Amino acid sequence: FQAGDEKRLTNRFFRKMIFNSIRAD
């Protein structure tokens, strides 16, 4: 990701579709 993308952590869709899978792996 790029700097500034951390703001997307508050987006539930982003967490479900992208972030949660990375954390799980």
mmCIF file of all heavy atoms, coordinates in Angstrom:
data_MODEL
# 
_entry.id   MODEL 
# 
loop_
_atom_site.group_PDB 
_atom_site.id 
_atom_site.type_symbol 
_atom_site.label_atom_id 
_atom_site.label_alt_id 
_atom_site.label_comp_id 
_atom_site.label_asym_id 
_atom_site.label_entity_id 
_atom_site.label_seq_id 
_atom_site.pdbx_PDB_ins_code 
_atom_site.Cartn_x 
_atom_site.Cartn_y 
_atom_site.Cartn_z 
_atom_site.occupancy 
_atom_site.B_iso_or_equiv 
_atom_site.pdbx_formal_charge 
_atom_site.auth_seq_id 
_atom_site.auth_comp_id 
_atom_site.auth_asym_id 
_atom_site.auth_atom_id 
_atom_site.pdbx_PDB_model_num 
ATOM 1   N N   . PHE A 1 1  ? 0.848   -1.189  0.000  1.00 0.00 ? 1  PHE A N   1 
ATOM 2   C CA  . PHE A 1 1  ? 0.000   0.000   0.000  1.00 0.00 ? 1  PHE A CA  1 
ATOM 3   C C   . PHE A 1 1  ? 0.886   1.242   0.000  1.00 0.00 ? 1  PHE A C   1 
ATOM 4   O O   . PHE A 1 1  ? 2.102   1.151   0.192  1.00 0.00 ? 1  PHE A O   1 
ATOM 5   C CB  . PHE A 1 1  ? -0.922  0.014   1.226  1.00 0.00 ? 1  PHE A CB  1 
ATOM 6   C CG  . PHE A 1 1  ? -1.865  -1.151  1.293  1.00 0.00 ? 1  PHE A CG  1 
ATOM 7   C CD1 . PHE A 1 1  ? -1.558  -2.280  2.045  1.00 0.00 ? 1  PHE A CD1 1 
ATOM 8   C CD2 . PHE A 1 1  ? -3.058  -1.128  0.590  1.00 0.00 ? 1  PHE A CD2 1 
ATOM 9   C CE1 . PHE A 1 1  ? -2.419  -3.363  2.090  1.00 0.00 ? 1  PHE A CE1 1 
ATOM 10  C CE2 . PHE A 1 1  ? -3.937  -2.204  0.640  1.00 0.00 ? 1  PHE A CE2 1 
ATOM 11  C CZ  . PHE A 1 1  ? -3.605  -3.320  1.382  1.00 0.00 ? 1  PHE A CZ  1 
ATOM 12  N N   . GLN A 1 2  ? 0.234   2.411   -0.166 1.00 0.00 ? 2  GLN A N   1 
ATOM 13  C CA  . GLN A 1 2  ? 0.954   3.667   -0.150 1.00 0.00 ? 2  GLN A CA  1 
ATOM 14  C C   . GLN A 1 2  ? 0.642   4.419   1.141  1.00 0.00 ? 2  GLN A C   1 
ATOM 15  O O   . GLN A 1 2  ? -0.385  4.200   1.783  1.00 0.00 ? 2  GLN A O   1 
ATOM 16  C CB  . GLN A 1 2  ? 0.551   4.523   -1.354 1.00 0.00 ? 2  GLN A CB  1 
ATOM 17  C CG  . GLN A 1 2  ? 0.928   3.904   -2.692 1.00 0.00 ? 2  GLN A CG  1 
ATOM 18  C CD  . GLN A 1 2  ? 0.510   4.768   -3.861 1.00 0.00 ? 2  GLN A CD  1 
ATOM 19  O OE1 . GLN A 1 2  ? -0.316  5.670   -3.709 1.00 0.00 ? 2  GLN A OE1 1 
ATOM 20  N NE2 . GLN A 1 2  ? 1.084   4.498   -5.019 1.00 0.00 ? 2  GLN A NE2 1 
ATOM 21  N N   . ALA A 1 3  ? 1.556   5.298   1.518  1.00 0.00 ? 3  ALA A N   1 
ATOM 22  C CA  . ALA A 1 3  ? 1.318   6.135   2.694  1.00 0.00 ? 3  ALA A CA  1 
ATOM 23  C C   . ALA A 1 3  ? 0.023   6.901   2.508  1.00 0.00 ? 3  ALA A C   1 
ATOM 24  O O   . ALA A 1 3  ? -0.239  7.462   1.444  1.00 0.00 ? 3  ALA A O   1 
ATOM 25  C CB  . ALA A 1 3  ? 2.485   7.093   2.902  1.00 0.00 ? 3  ALA A CB  1 
ATOM 26  N N   . GLY A 1 4  ? -0.790  6.926   3.540  1.00 0.00 ? 4  GLY A N   1 
ATOM 27  C CA  . GLY A 1 4  ? -2.102  7.547   3.468  1.00 0.00 ? 4  GLY A CA  1 
ATOM 28  C C   . GLY A 1 4  ? -3.221  6.543   3.345  1.00 0.00 ? 4  GLY A C   1 
ATOM 29  O O   . GLY A 1 4  ? -4.369  6.823   3.701  1.00 0.00 ? 4  GLY A O   1 
ATOM 30  N N   . ASP A 1 5  ? -2.889  5.328   2.862  1.00 0.00 ? 5  ASP A N   1 
ATOM 31  C CA  . ASP A 1 5  ? -3.911  4.293   2.717  1.00 0.00 ? 5  ASP A CA  1 
ATOM 32  C C   . ASP A 1 5  ? -4.410  3.762   4.056  1.00 0.00 ? 5  ASP A C   1 
ATOM 33  O O   . ASP A 1 5  ? -5.439  3.105   4.115  1.00 0.00 ? 5  ASP A O   1 
ATOM 34  C CB  . ASP A 1 5  ? -3.367  3.112   1.897  1.00 0.00 ? 5  ASP A CB  1 
ATOM 35  C CG  . ASP A 1 5  ? -3.312  3.403   0.409  1.00 0.00 ? 5  ASP A CG  1 
ATOM 36  O OD1 . ASP A 1 5  ? -3.909  4.410   -0.004 1.00 0.00 ? 5  ASP A OD1 1 
ATOM 37  O OD2 . ASP A 1 5  ? -2.682  2.626   -0.324 1.00 0.00 ? 5  ASP A OD2 1 
ATOM 38  N N   . GLU A 1 6  ? -3.671  4.056   5.137  1.00 0.00 ? 6  GLU A N   1 
ATOM 39  C CA  . GLU A 1 6  ? -4.094  3.562   6.455  1.00 0.00 ? 6  GLU A CA  1 
ATOM 40  C C   . GLU A 1 6  ? -5.468  4.100   6.852  1.00 0.00 ? 6  GLU A C   1 
ATOM 41  O O   . GLU A 1 6  ? -6.153  3.506   7.699  1.00 0.00 ? 6  GLU A O   1 
ATOM 42  C CB  . GLU A 1 6  ? -3.053  3.898   7.528  1.00 0.00 ? 6  GLU A CB  1 
ATOM 43  C CG  . GLU A 1 6  ? -2.784  5.375   7.732  1.00 0.00 ? 6  GLU A CG  1 
ATOM 44  C CD  . GLU A 1 6  ? -1.686  5.917   6.828  1.00 0.00 ? 6  GLU A CD  1 
ATOM 45  O OE1 . GLU A 1 6  ? -1.305  5.198   5.881  1.00 0.00 ? 6  GLU A OE1 1 
ATOM 46  O OE2 . GLU A 1 6  ? -1.218  7.037   7.074  1.00 0.00 ? 6  GLU A OE2 1 
ATOM 47  N N   . LYS A 1 7  ? -5.891  5.194   6.237  1.00 0.00 ? 7  LYS A N   1 
ATOM 48  C CA  . LYS A 1 7  ? -7.219  5.737   6.520  1.00 0.00 ? 7  LYS A CA  1 
ATOM 49  C C   . LYS A 1 7  ? -8.318  4.750   6.129  1.00 0.00 ? 7  LYS A C   1 
ATOM 50  O O   . LYS A 1 7  ? -9.432  4.811   6.657  1.00 0.00 ? 7  LYS A O   1 
ATOM 51  C CB  . LYS A 1 7  ? -7.414  7.058   5.769  1.00 0.00 ? 7  LYS A CB  1 
ATOM 52  C CG  . LYS A 1 7  ? -6.522  8.201   6.262  1.00 0.00 ? 7  LYS A CG  1 
ATOM 53  C CD  . LYS A 1 7  ? -6.765  9.472   5.469  1.00 0.00 ? 7  LYS A CD  1 
ATOM 54  C CE  . LYS A 1 7  ? -6.288  9.317   4.039  1.00 0.00 ? 7  LYS A CE  1 
ATOM 55  N NZ  . LYS A 1 7  ? -6.365  10.596  3.266  1.00 0.00 ? 7  LYS A NZ  1 
ATOM 56  N N   . ARG A 1 8  ? -7.996  3.835   5.231  1.00 0.00 ? 8  ARG A N   1 
ATOM 57  C CA  . ARG A 1 8  ? -8.992  2.871   4.756  1.00 0.00 ? 8  ARG A CA  1 
ATOM 58  C C   . ARG A 1 8  ? -9.315  1.800   5.795  1.00 0.00 ? 8  ARG A C   1 
ATOM 59  O O   . ARG A 1 8  ? -10.260 1.030   5.631  1.00 0.00 ? 8  ARG A O   1 
ATOM 60  C CB  . ARG A 1 8  ? -8.498  2.223   3.465  1.00 0.00 ? 8  ARG A CB  1 
ATOM 61  C CG  . ARG A 1 8  ? -8.242  3.224   2.359  1.00 0.00 ? 8  ARG A CG  1 
ATOM 62  C CD  . ARG A 1 8  ? -7.464  2.631   1.209  1.00 0.00 ? 8  ARG A CD  1 
ATOM 63  N NE  . ARG A 1 8  ? -8.248  1.689   0.436  1.00 0.00 ? 8  ARG A NE  1 
ATOM 64  C CZ  . ARG A 1 8  ? -7.759  0.955   -0.574 1.00 0.00 ? 8  ARG A CZ  1 
ATOM 65  N NH1 . ARG A 1 8  ? -6.476  1.056   -0.894 1.00 0.00 ? 8  ARG A NH1 1 
ATOM 66  N NH2 . ARG A 1 8  ? -8.519  0.131   -1.232 1.00 0.00 ? 8  ARG A NH2 1 
ATOM 67  N N   . LEU A 1 9  ? -8.541  1.750   6.877  1.00 0.00 ? 9  LEU A N   1 
ATOM 68  C CA  . LEU A 1 9  ? -8.792  0.766   7.918  1.00 0.00 ? 9  LEU A CA  1 
ATOM 69  C C   . LEU A 1 9  ? -10.157 0.958   8.576  1.00 0.00 ? 9  LEU A C   1 
ATOM 70  O O   . LEU A 1 9  ? -10.698 0.039   9.194  1.00 0.00 ? 9  LEU A O   1 
ATOM 71  C CB  . LEU A 1 9  ? -7.693  0.821   8.993  1.00 0.00 ? 9  LEU A CB  1 
ATOM 72  C CG  . LEU A 1 9  ? -6.340  0.246   8.589  1.00 0.00 ? 9  LEU A CG  1 
ATOM 73  C CD1 . LEU A 1 9  ? -5.305  0.516   9.673  1.00 0.00 ? 9  LEU A CD1 1 
ATOM 74  C CD2 . LEU A 1 9  ? -6.448  -1.249  8.329  1.00 0.00 ? 9  LEU A CD2 1 
ATOM 75  N N   . THR A 1 10 ? -10.709 2.147   8.478  1.00 0.00 ? 10 THR A N   1 
ATOM 76  C CA  . THR A 1 10 ? -12.024 2.415   9.068  1.00 0.00 ? 10 THR A CA  1 
ATOM 77  C C   . THR A 1 10 ? -13.159 1.994   8.146  1.00 0.00 ? 10 THR A C   1 
ATOM 78  O O   . THR A 1 10 ? -14.328 2.032   8.535  1.00 0.00 ? 10 THR A O   1 
ATOM 79  C CB  . THR A 1 10 ? -12.175 3.917   9.397  1.00 0.00 ? 10 THR A CB  1 
ATOM 80  O OG1 . THR A 1 10 ? -12.014 4.672   8.193  1.00 0.00 ? 10 THR A OG1 1 
ATOM 81  C CG2 . THR A 1 10 ? -11.115 4.352   10.413 1.00 0.00 ? 10 THR A CG2 1 
ATOM 82  N N   . ASN A 1 11 ? -12.810 1.565   6.940  1.00 0.00 ? 11 ASN A N   1 
ATOM 83  C CA  . ASN A 1 11 ? -13.811 1.156   5.958  1.00 0.00 ? 11 ASN A CA  1 
ATOM 84  C C   . ASN A 1 11 ? -14.071 -0.344  6.082  1.00 0.00 ? 11 ASN A C   1 
ATOM 85  O O   . ASN A 1 11 ? -13.190 -1.161  5.864  1.00 0.00 ? 11 ASN A O   1 
ATOM 86  C CB  . ASN A 1 11 ? -13.317 1.498   4.545  1.00 0.00 ? 11 ASN A CB  1 
ATOM 87  C CG  . ASN A 1 11 ? -14.340 1.195   3.472  1.00 0.00 ? 11 ASN A CG  1 
ATOM 88  O OD1 . ASN A 1 11 ? -14.753 0.058   3.314  1.00 0.00 ? 11 ASN A OD1 1 
ATOM 89  N ND2 . ASN A 1 11 ? -14.719 2.208   2.718  1.00 0.00 ? 11 ASN A ND2 1 
ATOM 90  N N   . ARG A 1 12 ? -15.301 -0.713  6.447  1.00 0.00 ? 12 ARG A N   1 
ATOM 91  C CA  . ARG A 1 12 ? -15.612 -2.125  6.685  1.00 0.00 ? 12 ARG A CA  1 
ATOM 92  C C   . ARG A 1 12 ? -15.467 -2.978  5.427  1.00 0.00 ? 12 ARG A C   1 
ATOM 93  O O   . ARG A 1 12 ? -15.049 -4.121  5.495  1.00 0.00 ? 12 ARG A O   1 
ATOM 94  C CB  . ARG A 1 12 ? -17.033 -2.259  7.249  1.00 0.00 ? 12 ARG A CB  1 
ATOM 95  C CG  . ARG A 1 12 ? -17.091 -2.107  8.757  1.00 0.00 ? 12 ARG A CG  1 
ATOM 96  C CD  . ARG A 1 12 ? -18.452 -2.473  9.293  1.00 0.00 ? 12 ARG A CD  1 
ATOM 97  N NE  . ARG A 1 12 ? -19.331 -1.322  9.322  1.00 0.00 ? 12 ARG A NE  1 
ATOM 98  C CZ  . ARG A 1 12 ? -20.585 -1.355  9.726  1.00 0.00 ? 12 ARG A CZ  1 
ATOM 99  N NH1 . ARG A 1 12 ? -21.115 -2.490  10.103 1.00 0.00 ? 12 ARG A NH1 1 
ATOM 100 N NH2 . ARG A 1 12 ? -21.326 -0.261  9.747  1.00 0.00 ? 12 ARG A NH2 1 
ATOM 101 N N   . PHE A 1 13 ? -15.810 -2.419  4.270  1.00 0.00 ? 13 PHE A N   1 
ATOM 102 C CA  . PHE A 1 13 ? -15.675 -3.154  3.015  1.00 0.00 ? 13 PHE A CA  1 
ATOM 103 C C   . PHE A 1 13 ? -14.202 -3.452  2.727  1.00 0.00 ? 13 PHE A C   1 
ATOM 104 O O   . PHE A 1 13 ? -13.835 -4.569  2.342  1.00 0.00 ? 13 PHE A O   1 
ATOM 105 C CB  . PHE A 1 13 ? -16.283 -2.349  1.867  1.00 0.00 ? 13 PHE A CB  1 
ATOM 106 C CG  . PHE A 1 13 ? -16.206 -3.038  0.534  1.00 0.00 ? 13 PHE A CG  1 
ATOM 107 C CD1 . PHE A 1 13 ? -17.117 -4.017  0.183  1.00 0.00 ? 13 PHE A CD1 1 
ATOM 108 C CD2 . PHE A 1 13 ? -15.206 -2.708  -0.375 1.00 0.00 ? 13 PHE A CD2 1 
ATOM 109 C CE1 . PHE A 1 13 ? -17.038 -4.661  -1.044 1.00 0.00 ? 13 PHE A CE1 1 
ATOM 110 C CE2 . PHE A 1 13 ? -15.121 -3.346  -1.610 1.00 0.00 ? 13 PHE A CE2 1 
ATOM 111 C CZ  . PHE A 1 13 ? -16.047 -4.322  -1.941 1.00 0.00 ? 13 PHE A CZ  1 
ATOM 112 N N   . PHE A 1 14 ? -13.352 -2.452  2.935  1.00 0.00 ? 14 PHE A N   1 
ATOM 113 C CA  . PHE A 1 14 ? -11.911 -2.638  2.730  1.00 0.00 ? 14 PHE A CA  1 
ATOM 114 C C   . PHE A 1 14 ? -11.371 -3.729  3.652  1.00 0.00 ? 14 PHE A C   1 
ATOM 115 O O   . PHE A 1 14 ? -10.585 -4.580  3.237  1.00 0.00 ? 14 PHE A O   1 
ATOM 116 C CB  . PHE A 1 14 ? -11.173 -1.322  2.982  1.00 0.00 ? 14 PHE A CB  1 
ATOM 117 C CG  . PHE A 1 14 ? -9.671  -1.437  2.977  1.00 0.00 ? 14 PHE A CG  1 
ATOM 118 C CD1 . PHE A 1 14 ? -8.981  -1.542  1.788  1.00 0.00 ? 14 PHE A CD1 1 
ATOM 119 C CD2 . PHE A 1 14 ? -8.961  -1.464  4.164  1.00 0.00 ? 14 PHE A CD2 1 
ATOM 120 C CE1 . PHE A 1 14 ? -7.595  -1.656  1.775  1.00 0.00 ? 14 PHE A CE1 1 
ATOM 121 C CE2 . PHE A 1 14 ? -7.579  -1.582  4.162  1.00 0.00 ? 14 PHE A CE2 1 
ATOM 122 C CZ  . PHE A 1 14 ? -6.899  -1.680  2.964  1.00 0.00 ? 14 PHE A CZ  1 
ATOM 123 N N   . ARG A 1 15 ? -11.804 -3.710  4.898  1.00 0.00 ? 15 ARG A N   1 
ATOM 124 C CA  . ARG A 1 15 ? -11.313 -4.704  5.854  1.00 0.00 ? 15 ARG A CA  1 
ATOM 125 C C   . ARG A 1 15 ? -11.754 -6.105  5.445  1.00 0.00 ? 15 ARG A C   1 
ATOM 126 O O   . ARG A 1 15 ? -10.956 -7.045  5.483  1.00 0.00 ? 15 ARG A O   1 
ATOM 127 C CB  . ARG A 1 15 ? -11.802 -4.377  7.266  1.00 0.00 ? 15 ARG A CB  1 
ATOM 128 C CG  . ARG A 1 15 ? -11.221 -3.088  7.846  1.00 0.00 ? 15 ARG A CG  1 
ATOM 129 C CD  . ARG A 1 15 ? -11.613 -2.916  9.307  1.00 0.00 ? 15 ARG A CD  1 
ATOM 130 N NE  . ARG A 1 15 ? -10.882 -3.853  10.143 1.00 0.00 ? 15 ARG A NE  1 
ATOM 131 C CZ  . ARG A 1 15 ? -9.788  -3.545  10.842 1.00 0.00 ? 15 ARG A CZ  1 
ATOM 132 N NH1 . ARG A 1 15 ? -9.294  -2.324  10.795 1.00 0.00 ? 15 ARG A NH1 1 
ATOM 133 N NH2 . ARG A 1 15 ? -9.185  -4.443  11.577 1.00 0.00 ? 15 ARG A NH2 1 
ATOM 134 N N   . LYS A 1 16 ? -13.002 -6.266  5.024  1.00 0.00 ? 16 LYS A N   1 
ATOM 135 C CA  . LYS A 1 16 ? -13.491 -7.589  4.661  1.00 0.00 ? 16 LYS A CA  1 
ATOM 136 C C   . LYS A 1 16 ? -12.834 -8.101  3.392  1.00 0.00 ? 16 LYS A C   1 
ATOM 137 O O   . LYS A 1 16 ? -12.415 -9.258  3.319  1.00 0.00 ? 16 LYS A O   1 
ATOM 138 C CB  . LYS A 1 16 ? -15.007 -7.572  4.486  1.00 0.00 ? 16 LYS A CB  1 
ATOM 139 C CG  . LYS A 1 16 ? -15.562 -8.940  4.057  1.00 0.00 ? 16 LYS A CG  1 
ATOM 140 C CD  . LYS A 1 16 ? -17.066 -8.929  3.847  1.00 0.00 ? 16 LYS A CD  1 
ATOM 141 C CE  . LYS A 1 16 ? -17.538 -10.305 3.392  1.00 0.00 ? 16 LYS A CE  1 
ATOM 142 N NZ  . LYS A 1 16 ? -19.001 -10.348 3.150  1.00 0.00 ? 16 LYS A NZ  1 
ATOM 143 N N   . MET A 1 17 ? -12.748 -7.252  2.386  1.00 0.00 ? 17 MET A N   1 
ATOM 144 C CA  . MET A 1 17 ? -12.298 -7.692  1.073  1.00 0.00 ? 17 MET A CA  1 
ATOM 145 C C   . MET A 1 17 ? -10.778 -7.781  0.950  1.00 0.00 ? 17 MET A C   1 
ATOM 146 O O   . MET A 1 17 ? -10.270 -8.560  0.135  1.00 0.00 ? 17 MET A O   1 
ATOM 147 C CB  . MET A 1 17 ? -12.832 -6.743  -0.004 1.00 0.00 ? 17 MET A CB  1 
ATOM 148 C CG  . MET A 1 17 ? -14.349 -6.672  -0.075 1.00 0.00 ? 17 MET A CG  1 
ATOM 149 S SD  . MET A 1 17 ? -15.135 -8.274  -0.380 1.00 0.00 ? 17 MET A SD  1 
ATOM 150 C CE  . MET A 1 17 ? -14.536 -8.633  -2.022 1.00 0.00 ? 17 MET A CE  1 
ATOM 151 N N   . ILE A 1 18 ? -10.050 -7.002  1.746  1.00 0.00 ? 18 ILE A N   1 
ATOM 152 C CA  . ILE A 1 18 ? -8.598  -6.931  1.558  1.00 0.00 ? 18 ILE A CA  1 
ATOM 153 C C   . ILE A 1 18 ? -7.819  -7.140  2.861  1.00 0.00 ? 18 ILE A C   1 
ATOM 154 O O   . ILE A 1 18 ? -7.038  -8.090  2.984  1.00 0.00 ? 18 ILE A O   1 
ATOM 155 C CB  . ILE A 1 18 ? -8.195  -5.577  0.925  1.00 0.00 ? 18 ILE A CB  1 
ATOM 156 C CG1 . ILE A 1 18 ? -8.870  -5.429  -0.445 1.00 0.00 ? 18 ILE A CG1 1 
ATOM 157 C CG2 . ILE A 1 18 ? -6.682  -5.443  0.806  1.00 0.00 ? 18 ILE A CG2 1 
ATOM 158 C CD1 . ILE A 1 18 ? -8.643  -4.095  -1.113 1.00 0.00 ? 18 ILE A CD1 1 
ATOM 159 N N   . PHE A 1 19 ? -8.040  -6.277  3.835  1.00 0.00 ? 19 PHE A N   1 
ATOM 160 C CA  . PHE A 1 19 ? -7.168  -6.255  5.008  1.00 0.00 ? 19 PHE A CA  1 
ATOM 161 C C   . PHE A 1 19 ? -7.261  -7.524  5.853  1.00 0.00 ? 19 PHE A C   1 
ATOM 162 O O   . PHE A 1 19 ? -6.238  -8.074  6.276  1.00 0.00 ? 19 PHE A O   1 
ATOM 163 C CB  . PHE A 1 19 ? -7.486  -5.030  5.872  1.00 0.00 ? 19 PHE A CB  1 
ATOM 164 C CG  . PHE A 1 19 ? -6.571  -4.871  7.062  1.00 0.00 ? 19 PHE A CG  1 
ATOM 165 C CD1 . PHE A 1 19 ? -5.264  -4.449  6.885  1.00 0.00 ? 19 PHE A CD1 1 
ATOM 166 C CD2 . PHE A 1 19 ? -7.019  -5.159  8.339  1.00 0.00 ? 19 PHE A CD2 1 
ATOM 167 C CE1 . PHE A 1 19 ? -4.411  -4.307  7.970  1.00 0.00 ? 19 PHE A CE1 1 
ATOM 168 C CE2 . PHE A 1 19 ? -6.172  -5.019  9.430  1.00 0.00 ? 19 PHE A CE2 1 
ATOM 169 C CZ  . PHE A 1 19 ? -4.868  -4.592  9.243  1.00 0.00 ? 19 PHE A CZ  1 
ATOM 170 N N   . ASN A 1 20 ? -8.464  -8.007  6.112  1.00 0.00 ? 20 ASN A N   1 
ATOM 171 C CA  . ASN A 1 20 ? -8.614  -9.164  6.996  1.00 0.00 ? 20 ASN A CA  1 
ATOM 172 C C   . ASN A 1 20 ? -7.927  -10.409 6.446  1.00 0.00 ? 20 ASN A C   1 
ATOM 173 O O   . ASN A 1 20 ? -7.366  -11.210 7.199  1.00 0.00 ? 20 ASN A O   1 
ATOM 174 C CB  . ASN A 1 20 ? -10.099 -9.459  7.249  1.00 0.00 ? 20 ASN A CB  1 
ATOM 175 C CG  . ASN A 1 20 ? -10.761 -8.412  8.120  1.00 0.00 ? 20 ASN A CG  1 
ATOM 176 O OD1 . ASN A 1 20 ? -10.083 -7.594  8.745  1.00 0.00 ? 20 ASN A OD1 1 
ATOM 177 N ND2 . ASN A 1 20 ? -12.080 -8.413  8.161  1.00 0.00 ? 20 ASN A ND2 1 
ATOM 178 N N   . SER A 1 21 ? -7.948  -10.571 5.135  1.00 0.00 ? 21 SER A N   1 
ATOM 179 C CA  . SER A 1 21 ? -7.300  -11.742 4.540  1.00 0.00 ? 21 SER A CA  1 
ATOM 180 C C   . SER A 1 21 ? -5.783  -11.660 4.674  1.00 0.00 ? 21 SER A C   1 
ATOM 181 O O   . SER A 1 21 ? -5.108  -12.679 4.885  1.00 0.00 ? 21 SER A O   1 
ATOM 182 C CB  . SER A 1 21 ? -7.705  -11.893 3.067  1.00 0.00 ? 21 SER A CB  1 
ATOM 183 O OG  . SER A 1 21 ? -7.273  -10.780 2.308  1.00 0.00 ? 21 SER A OG  1 
ATOM 184 N N   . ILE A 1 22 ? -5.239  -10.447 4.569  1.00 0.00 ? 22 ILE A N   1 
ATOM 185 C CA  . ILE A 1 22 ? -3.794  -10.280 4.740  1.00 0.00 ? 22 ILE A CA  1 
ATOM 186 C C   . ILE A 1 22 ? -3.397  -10.600 6.182  1.00 0.00 ? 22 ILE A C   1 
ATOM 187 O O   . ILE A 1 22 ? -2.434  -11.331 6.430  1.00 0.00 ? 22 ILE A O   1 
ATOM 188 C CB  . ILE A 1 22 ? -3.353  -8.849  4.369  1.00 0.00 ? 22 ILE A CB  1 
ATOM 189 C CG1 . ILE A 1 22 ? -3.722  -8.530  2.919  1.00 0.00 ? 22 ILE A CG1 1 
ATOM 190 C CG2 . ILE A 1 22 ? -1.844  -8.687  4.573  1.00 0.00 ? 22 ILE A CG2 1 
ATOM 191 C CD1 . ILE A 1 22 ? -3.440  -7.092  2.516  1.00 0.00 ? 22 ILE A CD1 1 
ATOM 192 N N   . ARG A 1 23 ? -4.156  -10.078 7.133  1.00 0.00 ? 23 ARG A N   1 
ATOM 193 C CA  . ARG A 1 23 ? -3.876  -10.352 8.548  1.00 0.00 ? 23 ARG A CA  1 
ATOM 194 C C   . ARG A 1 23 ? -3.951  -11.843 8.829  1.00 0.00 ? 23 ARG A C   1 
ATOM 195 O O   . ARG A 1 23 ? -3.099  -12.405 9.535  1.00 0.00 ? 23 ARG A O   1 
ATOM 196 C CB  . ARG A 1 23 ? -4.857  -9.607  9.451  1.00 0.00 ? 23 ARG A CB  1 
ATOM 197 C CG  . ARG A 1 23 ? -4.624  -8.125  9.552  1.00 0.00 ? 23 ARG A CG  1 
ATOM 198 C CD  . ARG A 1 23 ? -4.394  -7.650  10.991 1.00 0.00 ? 23 ARG A CD  1 
ATOM 199 N NE  . ARG A 1 23 ? -3.140  -8.104  11.564 1.00 0.00 ? 23 ARG A NE  1 
ATOM 200 C CZ  . ARG A 1 23 ? -2.606  -7.619  12.681 1.00 0.00 ? 23 ARG A CZ  1 
ATOM 201 N NH1 . ARG A 1 23 ? -3.216  -6.652  13.336 1.00 0.00 ? 23 ARG A NH1 1 
ATOM 202 N NH2 . ARG A 1 23 ? -1.475  -8.067  13.168 1.00 0.00 ? 23 ARG A NH2 1 
ATOM 203 N N   . ALA A 1 24 ? -4.968  -12.511 8.288  1.00 0.00 ? 24 ALA A N   1 
ATOM 204 C CA  . ALA A 1 24 ? -5.128  -13.943 8.513  1.00 0.00 ? 24 ALA A CA  1 
ATOM 205 C C   . ALA A 1 24 ? -3.931  -14.719 7.980  1.00 0.00 ? 24 ALA A C   1 
ATOM 206 O O   . ALA A 1 24 ? -3.426  -15.653 8.625  1.00 0.00 ? 24 ALA A O   1 
ATOM 207 C CB  . ALA A 1 24 ? -6.417  -14.434 7.857  1.00 0.00 ? 24 ALA A CB  1 
ATOM 208 N N   . ASP A 1 25 ? -3.446  -14.346 6.807  1.00 0.00 ? 25 ASP A N   1 
ATOM 209 C CA  . ASP A 1 25 ? -2.306  -15.044 6.215  1.00 0.00 ? 25 ASP A CA  1 
ATOM 210 C C   . ASP A 1 25 ? -1.027  -14.814 7.023  1.00 0.00 ? 25 ASP A C   1 
ATOM 211 O O   . ASP A 1 25 ? -0.209  -15.730 7.182  1.00 0.00 ? 25 ASP A O   1 
ATOM 212 C CB  . ASP A 1 25 ? -2.098  -14.588 4.770  1.00 0.00 ? 25 ASP A CB  1 
ATOM 213 C CG  . ASP A 1 25 ? -3.186  -15.114 3.846  1.00 0.00 ? 25 ASP A CG  1 
ATOM 214 O OD1 . ASP A 1 25 ? -3.947  -16.011 4.266  1.00 0.00 ? 25 ASP A OD1 1 
ATOM 215 O OD2 . ASP A 1 25 ? -3.270  -14.623 2.699  1.00 0.00 ? 25 ASP A OD2 1 
# 
